[in-house]
Amino acid sequence: MREEILEELKQFEQEKLEQNMRERLGQVSAFTTHPADIGSVTDEQERAFLLAAHKQKILDAVDEALFRIEQGTYGKCRGCGKNIEMERLKAIPYAEYCLSCQEKIENEGVPSQSRILG
């Protein structure tokens, strides 16, 4: 999973580099300079950045899970200390909380990186 995310981020960086090069050369896009077209391009760029930021957060969570494996604490809930359900770990291998604790976090509105990531 870590390698896949790294590859996706690498591709994003490469696309961004190519886009910046086109902009420097005056080839912003194949679209006309109509304001609606510019808005569409801007919207696409914003989505790409949001996706890359989300991928980076997942990568950080995966790295944290790998660290917990090294420490022998992987699979233990950071909230209650109980084992995280195997089905949950299969679905979200970087989960830090059991389902019960995760639901409490989400219901209480506690800001947490894990709330975003699972």
Protein backbone atom coordinates (compact mmCIF):
# COMPACT_ATOMS: atom_id res chain seq x y z
CA MET A 1 0.00 0.00 0.00
CA ARG A 2 2.86 2.35 0.89
CA GLU A 3 4.57 1.78 -2.44
CA GLU A 4 1.33 2.39 -4.36
CA ILE A 5 0.76 5.69 -2.59
CA LEU A 6 4.34 6.78 -3.16
CA GLU A 7 3.96 6.01 -6.87
CA GLU A 8 0.73 8.01 -7.07
CA LEU A 9 2.37 10.99 -5.35
CA LYS A 10 5.36 10.71 -7.67
CA GLN A 11 3.05 10.77 -10.70
CA PHE A 12 1.25 13.81 -9.29
CA GLU A 13 4.56 15.63 -8.83
CA GLN A 14 5.62 14.74 -12.38
CA GLU A 15 2.32 16.01 -13.82
CA LYS A 16 2.66 19.20 -11.79
CA LEU A 17 6.22 19.69 -13.07
CA GLU A 18 5.09 19.19 -16.68
CA GLN A 19 2.20 21.61 -16.18
CA ASN A 20 4.52 24.26 -14.73
CA MET A 21 6.85 23.82 -17.69
CA ARG A 22 3.94 24.31 -20.14
CA GLU A 23 2.89 27.45 -18.26
CA ARG A 24 6.42 28.86 -18.44
CA LEU A 25 6.48 28.20 -22.17
CA GLY A 26 3.10 29.88 -22.63
CA GLN A 27 1.18 26.70 -23.33
CA VAL A 28 -1.19 26.84 -20.38
CA SER A 29 -3.76 24.51 -21.93
CA ALA A 30 -5.44 23.47 -25.14
CA PHE A 31 -8.57 25.33 -24.02
CA THR A 32 -9.54 28.81 -25.05
CA THR A 33 -9.02 31.58 -22.55
CA HIS A 34 -12.73 31.83 -21.84
CA PRO A 35 -13.32 32.41 -18.09
CA ALA A 36 -15.43 29.25 -17.81
CA ASP A 37 -12.57 27.18 -19.23
CA ILE A 38 -10.10 28.75 -16.84
CA GLY A 39 -12.49 27.98 -13.98
CA SER A 40 -12.68 24.33 -15.03
CA VAL A 41 -8.90 24.04 -15.15
CA THR A 42 -8.61 25.69 -11.74
CA ASP A 43 -11.24 23.33 -10.33
CA GLU A 44 -9.34 20.30 -11.67
CA GLN A 45 -6.10 21.57 -10.17
CA GLU A 46 -7.76 22.12 -6.79
CA ARG A 47 -9.17 18.58 -6.81
CA ALA A 48 -5.76 17.18 -7.72
CA PHE A 49 -4.12 19.02 -4.81
CA LEU A 50 -6.82 17.86 -2.39
CA LEU A 51 -6.38 14.28 -3.56
CA ALA A 52 -2.59 14.53 -3.19
CA ALA A 53 -2.98 15.97 0.32
CA HIS A 54 -5.32 13.12 1.25
CA LYS A 55 -2.88 10.57 -0.19
CA GLN A 56 -0.10 12.16 1.88
CA LYS A 57 -2.20 11.81 5.05
CA ILE A 58 -2.81 8.14 4.25
CA LEU A 59 0.91 7.65 3.59
CA ASP A 60 1.67 9.18 6.99
CA ALA A 61 -0.87 6.84 8.61
CA VAL A 62 0.64 3.84 6.82
CA ASP A 63 4.11 4.85 8.02
CA GLU A 64 2.73 5.15 11.55
CA ALA A 65 1.18 1.67 11.25
CA LEU A 66 4.54 0.28 10.09
CA PHE A 67 6.17 1.91 13.11
CA ARG A 68 3.54 0.31 15.39
CA ILE A 69 4.36 -3.06 13.80
CA GLU A 70 8.02 -2.54 14.71
CA GLN A 71 7.03 -1.56 18.24
CA GLY A 72 4.69 -4.53 18.62
CA THR A 73 1.62 -2.32 19.16
CA TYR A 74 -0.03 -2.74 15.76
CA GLY A 75 -3.65 -3.81 16.00
CA LYS A 76 -4.15 -2.33 19.47
CA CYS A 77 -6.65 0.50 19.80
CA ARG A 78 -5.05 3.79 20.83
CA GLY A 79 -8.24 4.65 22.70
CA CYS A 80 -9.10 1.64 24.82
CA GLY A 81 -6.10 -0.64 24.28
CA LYS A 82 -8.20 -3.57 23.05
CA ASN A 83 -7.53 -5.42 19.82
CA ILE A 84 -8.86 -3.73 16.69
CA GLU A 85 -11.28 -5.99 14.83
CA MET A 86 -9.58 -8.05 12.10
CA GLU A 87 -12.23 -7.06 9.53
CA ARG A 88 -11.49 -3.41 10.28
CA LEU A 89 -7.75 -3.90 9.85
CA LYS A 90 -8.35 -5.71 6.57
CA ALA A 91 -10.45 -2.80 5.32
CA ILE A 92 -8.25 -0.05 6.80
CA PRO A 93 -4.79 -1.51 7.58
CA TYR A 94 -3.65 1.76 9.15
CA ALA A 95 -6.60 2.08 11.56
CA GLU A 96 -5.56 3.35 14.97
CA TYR A 97 -8.84 2.84 16.79
CA CYS A 98 -11.34 0.03 17.20
CA LEU A 99 -14.75 0.66 15.68
CA SER A 100 -16.28 1.60 19.02
CA CYS A 101 -13.64 4.23 19.82
CA GLN A 102 -13.69 5.54 16.24
CA GLU A 103 -17.47 6.02 16.47
CA LYS A 104 -17.03 7.91 19.76
CA ILE A 105 -14.46 10.18 18.14
CA GLU A 106 -16.75 10.87 15.20
CA ASN A 107 -19.86 11.38 17.35
CA GLU A 108 -18.09 13.72 19.75
CA GLY A 109 -16.60 15.72 16.90
CA VAL A 110 -13.10 15.37 18.27
CA PRO A 111 -10.66 16.67 15.65
CA SER A 112 -8.30 13.86 14.84
CA GLN A 113 -6.18 12.74 11.93
CA SER A 114 -7.60 9.27 12.49
CA ARG A 115 -11.12 10.65 12.07
CA ILE A 116 -10.23 11.52 8.49
CA LEU A 117 -8.34 8.33 7.82
CA GLY A 118 -10.34 5.71 9.67
